Amino acid sequence: MGKNWIIFFVLVALFILALIFDNQLFVAIQQFRISLHVPLNLNFIESFWFYVTMFVLSLVFILLDNKVKNKKKNIFRYIIGMLVAVAITSLLKVIIARPRPIPSQSNFLSDDKSFPSGHTTFMFSTLSFLKNWLGIVWLILSIIILLERVWQGAHFPSDVIAAIIIGYFVPILTTRLINKIKLGKNQTNRARRASKSKTKSKK
């Protein structure tokens, strides 16, 4: 069994557990936050500039990764994978329409959708494209963001775990699909060239 399969099954198990204990975990986290007298501070992370900043930073990380040979190709595949993952997350938000677990201090609108977490999906969509120590740095940053989403009352624990699964695995699948399409085109082109060379040799 490969590493990604192990990660997948562990995340699915955690997701099932989170679904069972979502309310208890969320209430415990919020009670702990309130006991520390930590106010909600959502200005930057809820803004458009958060996504712009993290997107630019993700491109910088991919460019700095010295284990990636074709950086342009890697960036292209990252953007495609990230967009597909975010699109799936947005679609699930509309279909499932799970309300946010809004604490009394929250500034969120009551009709905001919670499942899955868009921020977490966005952050984890970069991970599979980083091969060296930068991947560890990005993983730590992503975990901080997902913990912040629950800490600030924006999501249940199951929201962020589902988003990890989508954000990490969808780009892997889209990359494999792109590779298969490219391989199929290369094989078709080789077959055409071979056919043309045979035709010329007969003449």
N, C-alpha and C. Protein backbone atom coordinates (compact mmCIF):
# COMPACT_ATOMS: atom_id res chain seq x y z
N MET A 1 0.85 -1.20 0.00
CA MET A 1 0.00 0.00 0.00
C MET A 1 0.88 1.24 0.00
N GLY A 2 0.61 2.18 -0.91
CA GLY A 2 1.41 3.38 -1.03
C GLY A 2 1.15 4.38 0.07
N LYS A 3 2.04 5.37 0.17
CA LYS A 3 1.93 6.40 1.21
C LYS A 3 0.61 7.16 1.10
N ASN A 4 0.21 7.51 -0.12
CA ASN A 4 -1.01 8.29 -0.29
C ASN A 4 -2.26 7.52 0.14
N TRP A 5 -2.26 6.21 -0.08
CA TRP A 5 -3.40 5.39 0.35
C TRP A 5 -3.50 5.38 1.88
N ILE A 6 -2.35 5.28 2.55
CA ILE A 6 -2.34 5.30 4.01
C ILE A 6 -2.88 6.64 4.52
N ILE A 7 -2.39 7.73 3.92
CA ILE A 7 -2.86 9.07 4.30
C ILE A 7 -4.36 9.18 4.08
N PHE A 8 -4.85 8.65 2.95
CA PHE A 8 -6.27 8.73 2.63
C PHE A 8 -7.12 8.01 3.67
N PHE A 9 -6.76 6.77 4.01
CA PHE A 9 -7.56 6.00 4.96
C PHE A 9 -7.50 6.60 6.36
N VAL A 10 -6.35 7.14 6.75
CA VAL A 10 -6.24 7.80 8.06
C VAL A 10 -7.16 9.02 8.11
N LEU A 11 -7.15 9.82 7.04
CA LEU A 11 -7.99 11.03 6.98
C LEU A 11 -9.48 10.67 6.97
N VAL A 12 -9.84 9.62 6.26
CA VAL A 12 -11.24 9.19 6.23
C VAL A 12 -11.68 8.75 7.63
N ALA A 13 -10.80 8.01 8.33
CA ALA A 13 -11.12 7.58 9.69
C ALA A 13 -11.29 8.78 10.62
N LEU A 14 -10.40 9.76 10.48
CA LEU A 14 -10.50 10.98 11.29
C LEU A 14 -11.77 11.75 10.96
N PHE A 15 -12.14 11.76 9.67
CA PHE A 15 -13.36 12.45 9.25
C PHE A 15 -14.60 11.82 9.87
N ILE A 16 -14.64 10.48 9.90
CA ILE A 16 -15.78 9.78 10.49
C ILE A 16 -15.87 10.08 11.99
N LEU A 17 -14.73 10.05 12.67
CA LEU A 17 -14.70 10.37 14.10
C LEU A 17 -15.15 11.82 14.35
N ALA A 18 -14.66 12.72 13.47
CA ALA A 18 -15.02 14.13 13.62
C ALA A 18 -16.51 14.34 13.43
N LEU A 19 -17.11 13.63 12.50
CA LEU A 19 -18.56 13.73 12.29
C LEU A 19 -19.33 13.32 13.54
N ILE A 20 -18.84 12.28 14.20
CA ILE A 20 -19.52 11.77 15.39
C ILE A 20 -19.42 12.76 16.55
N PHE A 21 -18.23 13.37 16.68
CA PHE A 21 -17.98 14.24 17.84
C PHE A 21 -17.85 15.72 17.47
N ASP A 22 -18.39 16.11 16.32
CA ASP A 22 -18.25 17.49 15.84
C ASP A 22 -18.67 18.54 16.87
N ASN A 23 -19.89 18.41 17.35
CA ASN A 23 -20.43 19.42 18.27
C ASN A 23 -19.64 19.49 19.57
N GLN A 24 -19.31 18.32 20.12
CA GLN A 24 -18.55 18.30 21.37
C GLN A 24 -17.18 18.94 21.21
N LEU A 25 -16.50 18.60 20.11
CA LEU A 25 -15.17 19.16 19.86
C LEU A 25 -15.24 20.67 19.65
N PHE A 26 -16.22 21.09 18.87
CA PHE A 26 -16.34 22.52 18.58
C PHE A 26 -16.64 23.32 19.85
N VAL A 27 -17.58 22.83 20.65
CA VAL A 27 -17.94 23.53 21.89
C VAL A 27 -16.75 23.60 22.83
N ALA A 28 -16.00 22.49 22.94
CA ALA A 28 -14.83 22.47 23.83
C ALA A 28 -13.78 23.49 23.38
N ILE A 29 -13.55 23.55 22.07
CA ILE A 29 -12.57 24.51 21.53
C ILE A 29 -13.01 25.94 21.79
N GLN A 30 -14.29 26.22 21.56
CA GLN A 30 -14.79 27.57 21.76
C GLN A 30 -14.79 27.98 23.23
N GLN A 31 -15.12 27.03 24.10
CA GLN A 31 -15.08 27.33 25.53
C GLN A 31 -13.66 27.63 25.99
N PHE A 32 -12.71 26.89 25.44
CA PHE A 32 -11.30 27.13 25.78
C PHE A 32 -10.86 28.49 25.27
N ARG A 33 -11.26 28.84 24.04
CA ARG A 33 -10.90 30.16 23.49
C ARG A 33 -11.48 31.28 24.32
N ILE A 34 -12.74 31.14 24.69
CA ILE A 34 -13.41 32.17 25.48
C ILE A 34 -12.77 32.30 26.87
N SER A 35 -12.35 31.15 27.42
CA SER A 35 -11.71 31.19 28.74
C SER A 35 -10.39 31.95 28.71
N LEU A 36 -9.76 31.98 27.53
CA LEU A 36 -8.51 32.72 27.38
C LEU A 36 -8.75 34.18 27.02
N HIS A 37 -10.02 34.53 26.83
CA HIS A 37 -10.41 35.90 26.46
C HIS A 37 -9.77 36.33 25.14
N VAL A 38 -9.74 35.38 24.18
CA VAL A 38 -9.17 35.67 22.86
C VAL A 38 -10.30 36.13 21.94
N PRO A 39 -10.26 37.35 21.43
CA PRO A 39 -11.33 37.84 20.55
C PRO A 39 -11.22 37.26 19.15
N LEU A 40 -12.33 37.25 18.42
CA LEU A 40 -12.31 36.82 17.03
C LEU A 40 -11.68 37.91 16.18
N ASN A 41 -10.74 37.51 15.33
CA ASN A 41 -10.05 38.47 14.47
C ASN A 41 -10.01 37.91 13.06
N LEU A 42 -11.01 38.26 12.26
CA LEU A 42 -11.20 37.60 10.96
C LEU A 42 -10.92 38.52 9.77
N ASN A 43 -10.44 39.71 10.02
CA ASN A 43 -10.35 40.71 8.96
C ASN A 43 -9.53 40.25 7.77
N PHE A 44 -8.28 39.79 8.02
CA PHE A 44 -7.41 39.42 6.90
C PHE A 44 -7.79 38.09 6.29
N ILE A 45 -7.95 37.07 7.13
CA ILE A 45 -8.16 35.72 6.60
C ILE A 45 -9.49 35.58 5.87
N GLU A 46 -10.45 36.44 6.17
CA GLU A 46 -11.74 36.40 5.48
C GLU A 46 -11.75 37.29 4.24
N SER A 47 -10.63 37.93 3.95
CA SER A 47 -10.59 38.88 2.84
C SER A 47 -10.07 38.22 1.56
N PHE A 48 -10.31 38.89 0.45
CA PHE A 48 -9.80 38.44 -0.85
C PHE A 48 -8.28 38.40 -0.85
N TRP A 49 -7.65 39.29 -0.09
CA TRP A 49 -6.19 39.40 -0.09
C TRP A 49 -5.51 38.20 0.55
N PHE A 50 -6.22 37.48 1.40
CA PHE A 50 -5.65 36.26 1.96
C PHE A 50 -5.36 35.27 0.83
N TYR A 51 -6.34 35.08 -0.06
CA TYR A 51 -6.16 34.14 -1.16
C TYR A 51 -5.07 34.60 -2.12
N VAL A 52 -5.03 35.89 -2.40
CA VAL A 52 -3.99 36.43 -3.28
C VAL A 52 -2.61 36.19 -2.67
N THR A 53 -2.47 36.50 -1.40
CA THR A 53 -1.18 36.33 -0.71
C THR A 53 -0.74 34.88 -0.70
N MET A 54 -1.65 33.97 -0.35
CA MET A 54 -1.30 32.56 -0.27
C MET A 54 -1.03 31.96 -1.65
N PHE A 55 -1.75 32.44 -2.67
CA PHE A 55 -1.51 31.95 -4.02
C PHE A 55 -0.12 32.35 -4.50
N VAL A 56 0.24 33.61 -4.30
CA VAL A 56 1.57 34.09 -4.69
C VAL A 56 2.64 33.33 -3.91
N LEU A 57 2.41 33.13 -2.62
CA LEU A 57 3.37 32.42 -1.79
C LEU A 57 3.53 30.97 -2.24
N SER A 58 2.43 30.35 -2.64
CA SER A 58 2.50 28.96 -3.12
C SER A 58 3.32 28.86 -4.40
N LEU A 59 3.18 29.84 -5.29
CA LEU A 59 3.98 29.86 -6.52
C LEU A 59 5.47 30.03 -6.20
N VAL A 60 5.76 30.89 -5.23
CA VAL A 60 7.16 31.10 -4.81
C VAL A 60 7.73 29.80 -4.25
N PHE A 61 6.96 29.11 -3.43
CA PHE A 61 7.43 27.85 -2.85
C PHE A 61 7.73 26.82 -3.94
N ILE A 62 6.83 26.71 -4.92
CA ILE A 62 7.02 25.74 -6.00
C ILE A 62 8.26 26.10 -6.82
N LEU A 63 8.47 27.38 -7.09
CA LEU A 63 9.63 27.83 -7.85
C LEU A 63 10.93 27.59 -7.08
N LEU A 64 10.88 27.68 -5.76
CA LEU A 64 12.07 27.50 -4.94
C LEU A 64 12.40 26.03 -4.69
N ASP A 65 11.48 25.14 -5.02
CA ASP A 65 11.68 23.72 -4.77
C ASP A 65 12.71 23.17 -5.76
N ASN A 66 13.93 22.87 -5.29
CA ASN A 66 15.00 22.43 -6.18
C ASN A 66 14.88 20.97 -6.62
N LYS A 67 13.89 20.24 -6.08
CA LYS A 67 13.68 18.85 -6.49
C LYS A 67 12.73 18.74 -7.68
N VAL A 68 12.13 19.85 -8.06
CA VAL A 68 11.22 19.86 -9.21
C VAL A 68 11.99 20.30 -10.44
N LYS A 69 12.02 19.46 -11.46
CA LYS A 69 12.80 19.76 -12.67
C LYS A 69 12.08 20.77 -13.57
N ASN A 70 10.87 20.46 -13.98
CA ASN A 70 10.13 21.34 -14.88
C ASN A 70 9.16 22.18 -14.06
N LYS A 71 9.61 23.35 -13.64
CA LYS A 71 8.82 24.19 -12.75
C LYS A 71 7.58 24.76 -13.43
N LYS A 72 7.69 25.13 -14.71
CA LYS A 72 6.54 25.68 -15.43
C LYS A 72 5.43 24.64 -15.52
N LYS A 73 5.81 23.41 -15.84
CA LYS A 73 4.83 22.33 -15.93
C LYS A 73 4.20 22.07 -14.56
N ASN A 74 5.01 22.12 -13.51
CA ASN A 74 4.51 21.89 -12.15
C ASN A 74 3.52 22.97 -11.73
N ILE A 75 3.83 24.22 -12.07
CA ILE A 75 2.94 25.33 -11.74
C ILE A 75 1.62 25.21 -12.48
N PHE A 76 1.69 24.84 -13.76
CA PHE A 76 0.47 24.65 -14.56
C PHE A 76 -0.42 23.58 -13.94
N ARG A 77 0.19 22.46 -13.55
CA ARG A 77 -0.58 21.37 -12.97
C ARG A 77 -1.12 21.74 -11.59
N TYR A 78 -0.35 22.52 -10.85
CA TYR A 78 -0.83 23.00 -9.55
C TYR A 78 -2.06 23.87 -9.72
N ILE A 79 -2.01 24.82 -10.65
CA ILE A 79 -3.14 25.74 -10.85
C ILE A 79 -4.39 24.97 -11.26
N ILE A 80 -4.23 24.01 -12.19
CA ILE A 80 -5.37 23.20 -12.62
C ILE A 80 -5.94 22.41 -11.45
N GLY A 81 -5.06 21.74 -10.71
CA GLY A 81 -5.49 20.93 -9.57
C GLY A 81 -6.16 21.75 -8.50
N MET A 82 -5.58 22.92 -8.21
CA MET A 82 -6.15 23.80 -7.19
C MET A 82 -7.53 24.30 -7.60
N LEU A 83 -7.68 24.70 -8.86
CA LEU A 83 -8.97 25.20 -9.34
C LEU A 83 -10.05 24.12 -9.29
N VAL A 84 -9.68 22.90 -9.67
CA VAL A 84 -10.64 21.80 -9.62
C VAL A 84 -11.04 21.50 -8.18
N ALA A 85 -10.06 21.48 -7.27
CA ALA A 85 -10.34 21.22 -5.85
C ALA A 85 -11.25 22.30 -5.26
N VAL A 86 -10.96 23.56 -5.56
CA VAL A 86 -11.77 24.66 -5.05
C VAL A 86 -13.18 24.61 -5.65
N ALA A 87 -13.28 24.24 -6.94
CA ALA A 87 -14.59 24.13 -7.59
C ALA A 87 -15.43 23.03 -6.93
N ILE A 88 -14.81 21.89 -6.63
CA ILE A 88 -15.52 20.80 -5.96
C ILE A 88 -15.99 21.23 -4.57
N THR A 89 -15.12 21.93 -3.85
CA THR A 89 -15.48 22.43 -2.53
C THR A 89 -16.65 23.40 -2.60
N SER A 90 -16.61 24.31 -3.57
CA SER A 90 -17.70 25.29 -3.73
C SER A 90 -19.01 24.59 -4.07
N LEU A 91 -18.94 23.56 -4.92
CA LEU A 91 -20.14 22.81 -5.29
C LEU A 91 -20.72 22.08 -4.09
N LEU A 92 -19.85 21.47 -3.29
CA LEU A 92 -20.31 20.76 -2.09
C LEU A 92 -20.94 21.71 -1.08
N LYS A 93 -20.41 22.92 -0.98
CA LYS A 93 -20.98 23.91 -0.08
C LYS A 93 -22.44 24.20 -0.46
N VAL A 94 -22.70 24.33 -1.76
CA VAL A 94 -24.05 24.61 -2.24
C VAL A 94 -24.97 23.41 -2.04
N ILE A 95 -24.46 22.21 -2.35
CA ILE A 95 -25.29 21.00 -2.28
C ILE A 95 -25.62 20.65 -0.83
N ILE A 96 -24.60 20.64 0.03
CA ILE A 96 -24.80 20.22 1.42
C ILE A 96 -25.40 21.34 2.26
N ALA A 97 -24.99 22.57 1.99
CA ALA A 97 -25.55 23.77 2.65
C ALA A 97 -25.55 23.66 4.17
N ARG A 98 -24.45 23.25 4.70
CA ARG A 98 -24.32 23.13 6.16
C ARG A 98 -24.03 24.51 6.77
N PRO A 99 -24.84 24.97 7.70
CA PRO A 99 -24.60 26.29 8.29
C PRO A 99 -23.30 26.30 9.10
N ARG A 100 -22.68 27.46 9.18
CA ARG A 100 -21.48 27.59 9.99
C ARG A 100 -21.84 27.45 11.48
N PRO A 101 -20.93 26.91 12.26
CA PRO A 101 -21.16 26.81 13.72
C PRO A 101 -20.84 28.15 14.38
N ILE A 102 -21.75 29.10 14.29
CA ILE A 102 -21.45 30.48 14.66
C ILE A 102 -21.56 30.69 16.17
N PRO A 103 -20.47 31.07 16.81
CA PRO A 103 -20.57 31.44 18.23
C PRO A 103 -21.21 32.81 18.37
N SER A 104 -21.59 33.17 19.57
CA SER A 104 -22.30 34.43 19.78
C SER A 104 -21.45 35.64 19.42
N GLN A 105 -20.10 35.50 19.49
CA GLN A 105 -19.23 36.63 19.19
C GLN A 105 -18.91 36.75 17.71
N SER A 106 -19.37 35.80 16.90
CA SER A 106 -18.92 35.74 15.51
C SER A 106 -19.50 36.86 14.66
N ASN A 107 -18.73 37.24 13.64
CA ASN A 107 -19.19 38.23 12.68
C ASN A 107 -19.75 37.59 11.41
N PHE A 108 -19.79 36.24 11.38
CA PHE A 108 -20.25 35.55 10.18
C PHE A 108 -21.75 35.74 9.97
N LEU A 109 -22.14 35.74 8.71
CA LEU A 109 -23.56 35.75 8.38
C LEU A 109 -24.14 34.37 8.63
N SER A 110 -25.38 34.31 9.10
CA SER A 110 -25.98 33.04 9.47
C SER A 110 -26.21 32.12 8.28
N ASP A 111 -26.25 32.66 7.07
CA ASP A 111 -26.50 31.81 5.90
C ASP A 111 -25.20 31.38 5.22
N ASP A 112 -24.04 31.66 5.82
CA ASP A 112 -22.77 31.19 5.28
C ASP A 112 -22.72 29.66 5.32
N LYS A 113 -22.09 29.06 4.32
CA LYS A 113 -21.97 27.61 4.25
C LYS A 113 -20.65 27.16 4.85
N SER A 114 -20.70 26.03 5.52
CA SER A 114 -19.55 25.59 6.31
C SER A 114 -18.77 24.43 5.70
N PHE A 115 -19.46 23.49 5.05
CA PHE A 115 -18.83 22.23 4.63
C PHE A 115 -18.61 22.17 3.13
N PRO A 116 -17.37 21.90 2.69
CA PRO A 116 -16.10 21.82 3.43
C PRO A 116 -15.47 23.22 3.58
N SER A 117 -14.30 23.28 4.20
CA SER A 117 -13.61 24.55 4.39
C SER A 117 -12.86 24.96 3.12
N GLY A 118 -13.22 26.11 2.57
CA GLY A 118 -12.55 26.59 1.36
C GLY A 118 -11.10 26.98 1.61
N HIS A 119 -10.85 27.62 2.75
CA HIS A 119 -9.48 28.02 3.09
C HIS A 119 -8.56 26.80 3.19
N THR A 120 -9.06 25.74 3.85
CA THR A 120 -8.25 24.54 4.04
C THR A 120 -8.00 23.83 2.71
N THR A 121 -9.04 23.74 1.87
CA THR A 121 -8.88 23.15 0.54
C THR A 121 -7.81 23.90 -0.24
N PHE A 122 -7.90 25.20 -0.23
CA PHE A 122 -6.95 26.05 -0.96
C PHE A 122 -5.53 25.82 -0.49
N MET A 123 -5.32 25.76 0.83
CA MET A 123 -3.98 25.59 1.37
C MET A 123 -3.40 24.22 1.06
N PHE A 124 -4.20 23.16 1.22
CA PHE A 124 -3.68 21.81 1.05
C PHE A 124 -3.53 21.42 -0.42
N SER A 125 -4.09 22.19 -1.33
CA SER A 125 -3.94 21.88 -2.76
C SER A 125 -2.51 22.08 -3.24
N THR A 126 -1.68 22.75 -2.47
CA THR A 126 -0.29 23.00 -2.85
C THR A 126 0.63 21.87 -2.43
N LEU A 127 0.26 21.12 -1.41
CA LEU A 127 1.19 20.20 -0.75
C LEU A 127 1.79 19.14 -1.67
N SER A 128 0.99 18.54 -2.53
CA SER A 128 1.49 17.45 -3.37
C SER A 128 2.50 17.92 -4.41
N PHE A 129 2.66 19.23 -4.56
CA PHE A 129 3.60 19.77 -5.56
C PHE A 129 4.92 20.22 -4.94
N LEU A 130 5.06 20.05 -3.64
CA LEU A 130 6.29 20.42 -2.94
C LEU A 130 6.99 19.15 -2.47
N LYS A 131 8.27 19.02 -2.85
CA LYS A 131 9.00 17.77 -2.61
C LYS A 131 10.05 17.85 -1.50
N ASN A 132 10.54 19.02 -1.18
CA ASN A 132 11.62 19.12 -0.20
C ASN A 132 11.11 19.73 1.11
N TRP A 133 12.00 20.34 1.87
CA TRP A 133 11.64 20.90 3.18
C TRP A 133 10.57 21.98 3.08
N LEU A 134 10.41 22.57 1.90
CA LEU A 134 9.37 23.58 1.72
C LEU A 134 7.98 22.97 1.93
N GLY A 135 7.85 21.68 1.59
CA GLY A 135 6.58 21.00 1.82
C GLY A 135 6.23 20.92 3.29
N ILE A 136 7.25 20.72 4.14
CA ILE A 136 7.03 20.67 5.59
C ILE A 136 6.60 22.04 6.10
N VAL A 137 7.28 23.08 5.60
CA VAL A 137 6.92 24.45 6.00
C VAL A 137 5.49 24.76 5.60
N TRP A 138 5.11 24.38 4.36
CA TRP A 138 3.76 24.64 3.88
C TRP A 138 2.73 23.83 4.66
N LEU A 139 3.08 22.60 5.03
CA LEU A 139 2.18 21.76 5.83
C LEU A 139 1.90 22.41 7.18
N ILE A 140 2.94 22.93 7.82
CA ILE A 140 2.77 23.60 9.11
C ILE A 140 1.87 24.83 8.95
N LEU A 141 2.12 25.61 7.90
CA LEU A 141 1.30 26.79 7.64
C LEU A 141 -0.16 26.40 7.39
N SER A 142 -0.36 25.32 6.64
CA SER A 142 -1.72 24.86 6.33
C SER A 142 -2.45 24.39 7.59
N ILE A 143 -1.73 23.69 8.47
CA ILE A 143 -2.33 23.22 9.72
C ILE A 143 -2.72 24.40 10.60
N ILE A 144 -1.86 25.43 10.63
CA ILE A 144 -2.18 26.64 11.40
C ILE A 144 -3.47 27.27 10.89
N ILE A 145 -3.62 27.33 9.56
CA ILE A 145 -4.82 27.92 8.96
C ILE A 145 -6.06 27.11 9.31
N LEU A 146 -5.97 25.77 9.18
CA LEU A 146 -7.17 24.95 9.46
C LEU A 146 -7.55 25.01 10.93
N LEU A 147 -6.55 25.04 11.82
CA LEU A 147 -6.85 25.17 13.24
C LEU A 147 -7.49 26.52 13.54
N GLU A 148 -7.01 27.55 12.83
CA GLU A 148 -7.57 28.89 12.99
C GLU A 148 -9.03 28.93 12.58
N ARG A 149 -9.40 28.16 11.55
CA ARG A 149 -10.78 28.17 11.05
C ARG A 149 -11.74 27.61 12.10
N VAL A 150 -11.30 26.56 12.81
CA VAL A 150 -12.13 26.00 13.88
C VAL A 150 -12.07 26.90 15.11
N TRP A 151 -10.88 27.38 15.42
CA TRP A 151 -10.68 28.26 16.60
C TRP A 151 -11.54 29.51 16.51
N GLN A 152 -11.66 30.07 15.30
CA GLN A 152 -12.42 31.30 15.11
C GLN A 152 -13.92 31.05 14.95
N GLY A 153 -14.34 29.80 14.99
CA GLY A 153 -15.76 29.50 14.93
C GLY A 153 -16.32 29.43 13.53
N ALA A 154 -15.46 29.33 12.52
CA ALA A 154 -15.94 29.31 11.14
C ALA A 154 -16.33 27.92 10.67
N HIS A 155 -15.74 26.88 11.30
CA HIS A 155 -15.96 25.51 10.82
C HIS A 155 -15.99 24.51 11.96
N PHE A 156 -16.71 23.41 11.71
CA PHE A 156 -16.61 22.23 12.54
C PHE A 156 -15.32 21.49 12.18
N PRO A 157 -14.80 20.64 13.07
CA PRO A 157 -13.61 19.85 12.72
C PRO A 157 -13.77 19.01 11.45
N SER A 158 -14.96 18.44 11.24
CA SER A 158 -15.17 17.62 10.04
C SER A 158 -15.07 18.44 8.75
N ASP A 159 -15.39 19.73 8.84
CA ASP A 159 -15.29 20.61 7.66
C ASP A 159 -13.85 20.70 7.15
N VAL A 160 -12.93 20.86 8.09
CA VAL A 160 -11.53 21.05 7.69
C VAL A 160 -10.89 19.72 7.29
N ILE A 161 -11.31 18.62 7.92
CA ILE A 161 -10.74 17.31 7.55
C ILE A 161 -11.20 16.92 6.15
N ALA A 162 -12.47 17.15 5.85
CA ALA A 162 -12.97 16.89 4.49
C ALA A 162 -12.22 17.74 3.48
N ALA A 163 -11.93 18.98 3.84
CA ALA A 163 -11.21 19.89 2.95
C ALA A 163 -9.77 19.43 2.72
N ILE A 164 -9.15 18.83 3.74
CA ILE A 164 -7.80 18.28 3.56
C ILE A 164 -7.82 17.19 2.50
N ILE A 165 -8.82 16.30 2.60
CA ILE A 165 -8.93 15.19 1.63
C ILE A 165 -9.09 15.74 0.22
N ILE A 166 -9.98 16.71 0.05
CA ILE A 166 -10.22 17.29 -1.27
C ILE A 166 -8.98 18.05 -1.75
N GLY A 167 -8.45 18.90 -0.89
CA GLY A 167 -7.33 19.75 -1.28
C GLY A 167 -6.08 18.98 -1.61
N TYR A 168 -5.83 17.89 -0.90
CA TYR A 168 -4.60 17.12 -1.15
C TYR A 168 -4.73 16.14 -2.31
N PHE A 169 -5.85 15.43 -2.37
CA PHE A 169 -5.96 14.33 -3.33
C PHE A 169 -6.49 14.74 -4.70
N VAL A 170 -7.33 15.75 -4.78
CA VAL A 170 -7.84 16.16 -6.10
C VAL A 170 -6.72 16.61 -7.04
N PRO A 171 -5.77 17.46 -6.59
CA PRO A 171 -4.66 17.82 -7.48
C PRO A 171 -3.81 16.62 -7.90
N ILE A 172 -3.66 15.63 -7.03
CA ILE A 172 -2.93 14.41 -7.41
C ILE A 172 -3.65 13.69 -8.54
N LEU A 173 -4.97 13.58 -8.41
CA LEU A 173 -5.77 12.90 -9.45
C LEU A 173 -5.78 13.68 -10.76
N THR A 174 -5.90 15.01 -10.67
CA THR A 174 -5.89 15.81 -11.91
C THR A 174 -4.53 15.74 -12.60
N THR A 175 -3.46 15.69 -11.82
CA THR A 175 -2.11 15.57 -12.39
C THR A 175 -1.96 14.23 -13.12
N ARG A 176 -2.46 13.17 -12.51
CA ARG A 176 -2.39 11.85 -13.16
C ARG A 176 -3.23 11.83 -14.43
N LEU A 177 -4.37 12.50 -14.39
CA LEU A 177 -5.22 12.56 -15.58
C LEU A 177 -4.52 13.32 -16.70
N ILE A 178 -3.90 14.45 -16.36
CA ILE A 178 -3.15 15.23 -17.36
C ILE A 178 -2.01 14.40 -17.95
N ASN A 179 -1.31 13.65 -17.09
CA ASN A 179 -0.20 12.80 -17.56
C ASN A 179 -0.70 11.72 -18.51
N LYS A 180 -1.87 11.13 -18.19
CA LYS A 180 -2.43 10.10 -19.06
C LYS A 180 -2.84 10.67 -20.41
N ILE A 181 -3.45 11.85 -20.39
CA ILE A 181 -3.85 12.50 -21.64
C ILE A 181 -2.63 12.80 -22.49
N LYS A 182 -1.57 13.33 -21.84
CA LYS A 182 -0.34 13.65 -22.55
C LYS A 182 0.31 12.39 -23.10
N LEU A 183 0.31 11.32 -22.31
CA LEU A 183 0.89 10.05 -22.76
C LEU A 183 0.12 9.50 -23.95
N GLY A 184 -1.21 9.59 -23.89
CA GLY A 184 -2.03 9.13 -25.00
C GLY A 184 -1.76 9.90 -26.28
N LYS A 185 -1.59 11.23 -26.15
CA LYS A 185 -1.28 12.06 -27.32
C LYS A 185 0.09 11.71 -27.89
N ASN A 186 1.06 11.48 -27.03
CA ASN A 186 2.41 11.12 -27.48
C ASN A 186 2.40 9.78 -28.22
N GLN A 187 1.65 8.83 -27.68
CA GLN A 187 1.55 7.52 -28.33
C GLN A 187 0.87 7.63 -29.68
N THR A 188 -0.17 8.47 -29.75
CA THR A 188 -0.87 8.68 -31.02
C THR A 188 0.05 9.33 -32.04
N ASN A 189 0.82 10.32 -31.62
CA ASN A 189 1.76 11.00 -32.52
C ASN A 189 2.84 10.06 -33.01
N ARG A 190 3.35 9.20 -32.11
CA ARG A 190 4.37 8.23 -32.52
C ARG A 190 3.81 7.24 -33.53
N ALA A 191 2.55 6.82 -33.29
CA ALA A 191 1.92 5.86 -34.20
C ALA A 191 1.72 6.49 -35.58
N ARG A 192 1.35 7.77 -35.61
CA ARG A 192 1.17 8.47 -36.88
C ARG A 192 2.49 8.60 -37.63
N ARG A 193 3.57 8.97 -36.89
CA ARG A 193 4.87 9.11 -37.53
C ARG A 193 5.36 7.78 -38.06
N ALA A 194 5.12 6.71 -37.29
CA ALA A 194 5.53 5.38 -37.73
C ALA A 194 4.76 4.97 -38.98
N SER A 195 3.46 5.31 -39.01
CA SER A 195 2.62 4.98 -40.17
C SER A 195 3.08 5.74 -41.41
N LYS A 196 3.44 7.01 -41.22
CA LYS A 196 3.92 7.82 -42.35
C LYS A 196 5.25 7.31 -42.88
N SER A 197 6.13 6.91 -41.97
CA SER A 197 7.43 6.41 -42.40
C SER A 197 7.29 5.09 -43.16
N LYS A 198 6.34 4.26 -42.74
CA LYS A 198 6.09 3.00 -43.45
C LYS A 198 5.55 3.25 -44.84
N THR A 199 4.65 4.24 -44.94
CA THR A 199 4.06 4.59 -46.24
C THR A 199 5.13 5.11 -47.19
N LYS A 200 6.04 5.95 -46.70
CA LYS A 200 7.12 6.50 -47.52
C LYS A 200 8.09 5.39 -47.97
N SER A 201 8.36 4.44 -47.07
CA SER A 201 9.30 3.37 -47.41
C SER A 201 8.73 2.44 -48.49
N LYS A 202 7.40 2.26 -48.48
CA LYS A 202 6.75 1.43 -49.50
C LYS A 202 6.83 2.09 -50.86
N LYS A 203 6.74 3.45 -50.86
CA LYS A 203 6.81 4.17 -52.12
C LYS A 203 8.22 4.09 -52.70
